[in-house]
Amino acid sequence: MRDSGEVRWVRGRGDAGEGEVAVIASDIPEVIGATYAVNILFHIPAWAGVLLSGSSTLLLLGLQRFGVRKLKIVISVSVFIMAGCFLGELSYVKPPAANMLMGMFFPKLSGQSASGVAIALLGALIMPHNLFLHSALILSRKDLSF
């Protein structure tokens, strides 16, 4: 029979391993989505898109040495730029409101490249929350009580 300290150590190592697998599993779609998005927008080959996605991640991780506040400012500015571009695109295209509401509740994929566009949207717009959730930004908080 093991003592409680040894069991805790083994359990802690297993939880850390599961956490790493979960981070890797959630980052793979992010890299693939960013690669597709860059390919669709700028016709850059997939291998270059992967390198660009990895470089941007390393750049943001490098910004941490300048402080968490500056990193949060860079991320916030990026989010506001994306929101502004999205709203600008909506005002340029002027889609029918009824079709937009219908698509919000009953989405459908049609067309030859719809799957690629859906993967790009998933990776470029939805998955970047991992940048915040799986980074040291969470660990930098002084009070971790809930």
Protein backbone atom coordinates (compact mmCIF):
# COMPACT_ATOMS: atom_id res chain seq x y z
CA MET A 1 0.00 0.00 0.00
CA ARG A 2 1.38 3.41 -0.95
CA ASP A 3 1.40 6.36 1.35
CA SER A 4 -0.77 9.34 0.48
CA GLY A 5 2.17 11.54 -0.62
CA GLU A 6 3.23 9.05 -3.28
CA VAL A 7 -0.33 8.65 -4.59
CA ARG A 8 -0.70 12.43 -4.83
CA TRP A 9 2.55 12.68 -6.79
CA VAL A 10 1.47 10.00 -9.29
CA ARG A 11 -1.98 11.54 -9.64
CA GLY A 12 -0.53 15.04 -10.21
CA ARG A 13 1.75 13.76 -12.98
CA GLY A 14 -1.17 12.02 -14.72
CA ASP A 15 -3.30 15.16 -14.59
CA ALA A 16 -0.46 17.21 -16.07
CA GLY A 17 -0.07 14.71 -18.91
CA GLU A 18 -3.78 14.78 -19.66
CA GLY A 19 -3.66 18.57 -19.66
CA GLU A 20 -0.81 18.60 -22.17
CA VAL A 21 -2.67 16.20 -24.46
CA ALA A 22 -5.77 18.42 -24.26
CA VAL A 23 -3.72 21.53 -25.12
CA ILE A 24 -2.12 19.81 -28.11
CA ALA A 25 -5.49 18.48 -29.30
CA SER A 26 -7.04 21.95 -29.15
CA ASP A 27 -4.07 23.68 -30.79
CA ILE A 28 -3.96 21.43 -33.86
CA PRO A 29 -7.29 22.74 -35.26
CA GLU A 30 -6.10 26.27 -34.53
CA VAL A 31 -2.98 25.81 -36.65
CA ILE A 32 -4.91 24.06 -39.42
CA GLY A 33 -7.62 26.75 -39.41
CA ALA A 34 -5.08 29.57 -39.50
CA THR A 35 -3.29 27.81 -42.36
CA TYR A 36 -6.50 27.53 -44.37
CA ALA A 37 -7.44 31.13 -43.61
CA VAL A 38 -4.06 32.45 -44.79
CA ASN A 39 -4.28 30.25 -47.88
CA ILE A 40 -7.77 31.49 -48.75
CA LEU A 41 -6.97 35.16 -48.13
CA PHE A 42 -3.45 35.46 -49.54
CA HIS A 43 -2.94 32.23 -51.57
CA ILE A 44 0.06 31.30 -49.41
CA PRO A 45 1.04 27.59 -49.48
CA ALA A 46 0.00 25.47 -46.52
CA TRP A 47 3.55 24.90 -45.24
CA ALA A 48 4.14 28.66 -45.14
CA GLY A 49 0.83 29.15 -43.33
CA VAL A 50 1.89 26.66 -40.65
CA LEU A 51 5.19 28.50 -40.22
CA LEU A 52 3.37 31.84 -40.07
CA SER A 53 0.94 30.53 -37.45
CA GLY A 54 3.75 29.14 -35.33
CA SER A 55 5.76 32.35 -35.66
CA SER A 56 2.85 34.48 -34.52
CA THR A 57 2.37 32.23 -31.49
CA LEU A 58 6.05 32.48 -30.59
CA LEU A 59 5.89 36.26 -31.04
CA LEU A 60 2.98 36.53 -28.60
CA LEU A 61 4.72 34.25 -26.12
CA GLY A 62 7.82 36.45 -26.43
CA LEU A 63 5.76 39.51 -25.57
CA GLN A 64 5.17 38.06 -22.10
CA ARG A 65 8.62 39.19 -21.00
CA PHE A 66 7.44 42.80 -21.37
CA GLY A 67 4.61 42.17 -18.93
CA VAL A 68 1.15 40.70 -18.93
CA ARG A 69 -0.53 44.09 -19.34
CA LYS A 70 1.23 44.77 -22.65
CA LEU A 71 0.36 41.31 -23.94
CA LYS A 72 -3.29 41.84 -23.02
CA ILE A 73 -3.23 45.18 -24.88
CA VAL A 74 -1.83 43.53 -28.03
CA ILE A 75 -4.47 40.78 -27.88
CA SER A 76 -7.26 43.32 -27.24
CA VAL A 77 -6.16 45.49 -30.16
CA SER A 78 -6.10 42.40 -32.40
CA VAL A 79 -9.63 41.45 -31.35
CA PHE A 80 -10.90 44.99 -31.99
CA ILE A 81 -9.23 45.05 -35.43
CA MET A 82 -10.94 41.75 -36.32
CA ALA A 83 -14.30 43.07 -35.09
CA GLY A 84 -13.86 46.29 -37.08
CA CYS A 85 -12.99 44.35 -40.24
CA PHE A 86 -16.00 42.10 -39.75
CA LEU A 87 -18.37 45.05 -39.28
CA GLY A 88 -16.81 46.84 -42.25
CA GLU A 89 -17.31 43.77 -44.40
CA LEU A 90 -20.94 43.48 -43.27
CA SER A 91 -21.59 47.12 -44.15
CA TYR A 92 -19.99 46.62 -47.57
CA VAL A 93 -21.84 43.41 -48.46
CA LYS A 94 -25.20 44.35 -46.86
CA PRO A 95 -26.62 40.84 -46.53
CA PRO A 96 -30.38 40.45 -46.04
CA ALA A 97 -31.21 40.43 -42.32
CA ALA A 98 -33.71 37.58 -42.67
CA ASN A 99 -31.09 35.32 -44.26
CA MET A 100 -28.56 36.24 -41.56
CA LEU A 101 -30.97 35.34 -38.78
CA MET A 102 -31.91 32.10 -40.53
CA GLY A 103 -28.22 31.21 -40.89
CA MET A 104 -27.56 31.91 -37.22
CA PHE A 105 -30.08 29.31 -36.10
CA PHE A 106 -30.01 26.86 -39.04
CA PRO A 107 -26.51 26.92 -40.57
CA LYS A 108 -25.79 24.99 -43.77
CA LEU A 109 -22.74 24.40 -45.93
CA SER A 110 -23.13 24.68 -49.66
CA GLY A 111 -20.58 25.07 -52.41
CA GLN A 112 -17.39 23.36 -53.41
CA SER A 113 -15.05 24.98 -50.88
CA ALA A 114 -17.50 25.27 -47.96
CA SER A 115 -15.70 22.72 -45.77
CA GLY A 116 -12.38 24.54 -46.13
CA VAL A 117 -14.01 27.85 -45.27
CA ALA A 118 -15.70 26.30 -42.21
CA ILE A 119 -12.37 24.89 -40.99
CA ALA A 120 -10.69 28.25 -41.56
CA LEU A 121 -13.41 30.06 -39.61
CA LEU A 122 -13.22 27.57 -36.77
CA GLY A 123 -9.46 27.90 -36.51
CA ALA A 124 -9.15 31.63 -37.10
CA LEU A 125 -12.13 32.94 -35.13
CA ILE A 126 -13.20 30.41 -32.54
CA MET A 127 -10.04 28.58 -31.47
CA PRO A 128 -7.82 31.56 -30.49
CA HIS A 129 -9.44 31.55 -27.05
CA ASN A 130 -6.79 28.93 -26.33
CA LEU A 131 -4.19 31.67 -26.46
CA PHE A 132 -5.71 33.07 -23.28
CA LEU A 133 -6.89 29.92 -21.59
CA HIS A 134 -3.71 27.89 -22.05
CA SER A 135 -1.16 30.62 -21.46
CA ALA A 136 0.51 32.08 -18.45
CA LEU A 137 -2.05 34.90 -18.36
CA ILE A 138 -4.25 32.77 -16.13
CA LEU A 139 -1.34 31.80 -13.90
CA SER A 140 -0.27 35.42 -13.48
CA ARG A 141 -3.31 36.24 -11.35
CA LYS A 142 -2.48 36.72 -7.69
CA ASP A 143 -5.81 35.55 -6.28
CA LEU A 144 -6.78 32.14 -7.65
CA SER A 145 -9.74 31.61 -5.32
CA PHE A 146 -13.14 31.07 -6.90
